[in-house]
Amino acid sequence: MVSLLRFPLKKPGEKIKIDKRDALNLAKLLKSQDLPPIYVPEPKDETVRDLSHARKTSIKDLKDAKYQLKALLLRTTSTAK
């Protein structure tokens, strides 16, 4: 697999999309090995990424809840005096 972002830029005259020309260019680039491969994450990697994302989200939610609780306590204690 190769990344579409790593394709060489097209020349100014090649603005029209032609599948045959694109296929030839791809074949030439693959033959000369100018297209670097990309890493496709395995399911285990995806699981670790999902877990770390869930942890970051829960930490942010906890902080937000603490701020809301502090704000509520400040409002209620200042009106009670």
C-alpha atoms as a PDB file:
ATOM      1  CA  MET A   1       0.000   0.000   0.000  1.00  0.00           C
ATOM      2  CA  VAL A   2       1.077   3.535  -0.663  1.00  0.00           C
ATOM      3  CA  SER A   3      -0.209   6.834   0.614  1.00  0.00           C
ATOM      4  CA  LEU A   4      -1.962   9.146  -1.815  1.00  0.00           C
ATOM      5  CA  LEU A   5      -0.311  12.092  -0.098  1.00  0.00           C
ATOM      6  CA  ARG A   6       3.130  10.850  -1.100  1.00  0.00           C
ATOM      7  CA  PHE A   7       2.484  10.889  -4.842  1.00  0.00           C
ATOM      8  CA  PRO A   8       4.703  13.204  -6.854  1.00  0.00           C
ATOM      9  CA  LEU A   9       3.045  16.425  -7.945  1.00  0.00           C
ATOM     10  CA  LYS A  10       1.494  16.553 -11.402  1.00  0.00           C
ATOM     11  CA  LYS A  11       2.867  18.725 -14.127  1.00  0.00           C
ATOM     12  CA  PRO A  12       0.881  21.886 -15.022  1.00  0.00           C
ATOM     13  CA  GLY A  13      -0.444  20.400 -18.292  1.00  0.00           C
ATOM     14  CA  GLU A  14      -1.830  17.257 -16.628  1.00  0.00           C
ATOM     15  CA  LYS A  15      -4.927  18.747 -15.045  1.00  0.00           C
ATOM     16  CA  ILE A  16      -7.348  16.456 -16.873  1.00  0.00           C
ATOM     17  CA  LYS A  17      -7.870  13.117 -15.129  1.00  0.00           C
ATOM     18  CA  ILE A  18      -7.139  10.235 -17.478  1.00  0.00           C
ATOM     19  CA  ASP A  19      -7.180   6.764 -15.940  1.00  0.00           C
ATOM     20  CA  LYS A  20      -4.869   5.273 -18.561  1.00  0.00           C
ATOM     21  CA  ARG A  21      -2.200   7.929 -17.964  1.00  0.00           C
ATOM     22  CA  ASP A  22      -2.590   7.609 -14.184  1.00  0.00           C
ATOM     23  CA  ALA A  23      -2.206   3.828 -14.409  1.00  0.00           C
ATOM     24  CA  LEU A  24       0.959   4.194 -16.488  1.00  0.00           C
ATOM     25  CA  ASN A  25       2.410   6.706 -14.024  1.00  0.00           C
ATOM     26  CA  LEU A  26       1.591   4.418 -11.109  1.00  0.00           C
ATOM     27  CA  ALA A  27       3.186   1.448 -12.843  1.00  0.00           C
ATOM     28  CA  LYS A  28       6.360   3.449 -13.537  1.00  0.00           C
ATOM     29  CA  LEU A  29       6.559   4.693  -9.951  1.00  0.00           C
ATOM     30  CA  LEU A  30       6.007   1.222  -8.529  1.00  0.00           C
ATOM     31  CA  LYS A  31       8.617  -0.278 -10.850  1.00  0.00           C
ATOM     32  CA  SER A  32      11.214   2.305  -9.866  1.00  0.00           C
ATOM     33  CA  GLN A  33      10.188   1.974  -6.188  1.00  0.00           C
ATOM     34  CA  ASP A  34       9.650   5.724  -5.823  1.00  0.00           C
ATOM     35  CA  LEU A  35       6.482   5.222  -3.805  1.00  0.00           C
ATOM     36  CA  PRO A  36       7.346   4.516  -0.175  1.00  0.00           C
ATOM     37  CA  PRO A  37       5.106   1.981   1.578  1.00  0.00           C
ATOM     38  CA  ILE A  38       2.878   3.026   4.451  1.00  0.00           C
ATOM     39  CA  TYR A  39       2.206   1.263   7.728  1.00  0.00           C
ATOM     40  CA  VAL A  40      -1.260  -0.227   8.067  1.00  0.00           C
ATOM     41  CA  PRO A  41      -2.089  -0.613  11.758  1.00  0.00           C
ATOM     42  CA  GLU A  42      -3.037  -4.048  12.989  1.00  0.00           C
ATOM     43  CA  PRO A  43      -6.160  -4.594  15.111  1.00  0.00           C
ATOM     44  CA  LYS A  44      -3.994  -4.712  18.251  1.00  0.00           C
ATOM     45  CA  ASP A  45      -2.553  -1.281  17.427  1.00  0.00           C
ATOM     46  CA  GLU A  46      -6.034   0.081  16.810  1.00  0.00           C
ATOM     47  CA  THR A  47      -7.155  -1.249  20.191  1.00  0.00           C
ATOM     48  CA  VAL A  48      -4.289   0.498  21.979  1.00  0.00           C
ATOM     49  CA  ARG A  49      -5.048   3.728  20.100  1.00  0.00           C
ATOM     50  CA  ASP A  50      -8.737   3.509  21.011  1.00  0.00           C
ATOM     51  CA  LEU A  51      -7.889   2.824  24.655  1.00  0.00           C
ATOM     52  CA  SER A  52      -5.543   5.806  24.910  1.00  0.00           C
ATOM     53  CA  HIS A  53      -8.110   8.035  23.202  1.00  0.00           C
ATOM     54  CA  ALA A  54     -10.789   6.876  25.656  1.00  0.00           C
ATOM     55  CA  ARG A  55      -8.421   7.573  28.566  1.00  0.00           C
ATOM     56  CA  LYS A  56      -7.690  11.109  27.343  1.00  0.00           C
ATOM     57  CA  THR A  57     -11.395  11.764  26.881  1.00  0.00           C
ATOM     58  CA  SER A  58     -12.277  10.486  30.348  1.00  0.00           C
ATOM     59  CA  ILE A  59      -9.524  12.587  31.970  1.00  0.00           C
ATOM     60  CA  LYS A  60     -10.844  15.680  30.161  1.00  0.00           C
ATOM     61  CA  ASP A  61     -14.412  14.883  31.233  1.00  0.00           C
ATOM     62  CA  LEU A  62     -13.260  14.449  34.845  1.00  0.00           C
ATOM     63  CA  LYS A  63     -11.501  17.841  34.789  1.00  0.00           C
ATOM     64  CA  ASP A  64     -14.582  19.499  33.303  1.00  0.00           C
ATOM     65  CA  ALA A  65     -16.793  17.955  35.983  1.00  0.00           C
ATOM     66  CA  LYS A  66     -14.425  19.190  38.718  1.00  0.00           C
ATOM     67  CA  TYR A  67     -14.508  22.727  37.319  1.00  0.00           C
ATOM     68  CA  GLN A  68     -18.293  22.655  37.128  1.00  0.00           C
ATOM     69  CA  LEU A  69     -18.548  21.389  40.698  1.00  0.00           C
ATOM     70  CA  LYS A  70     -16.147  24.074  41.961  1.00  0.00           C
ATOM     71  CA  ALA A  71     -18.102  26.766  40.128  1.00  0.00           C
ATOM     72  CA  LEU A  72     -21.375  25.479  41.578  1.00  0.00           C
ATOM     73  CA  LEU A  73     -19.935  25.411  45.093  1.00  0.00           C
ATOM     74  CA  LEU A  74     -18.562  28.934  44.714  1.00  0.00           C
ATOM     75  CA  ARG A  75     -21.930  30.221  43.538  1.00  0.00           C
ATOM     76  CA  THR A  76     -23.925  28.497  46.288  1.00  0.00           C
ATOM     77  CA  THR A  77     -21.549  29.366  49.133  1.00  0.00           C
ATOM     78  CA  SER A  78     -21.307  33.021  48.124  1.00  0.00           C
ATOM     79  CA  THR A  79     -25.104  33.420  48.034  1.00  0.00           C
ATOM     80  CA  ALA A  80     -25.544  31.606  51.352  1.00  0.00           C
ATOM     81  CA  LYS A  81     -23.470  34.202  53.257  1.00  0.00           C
END
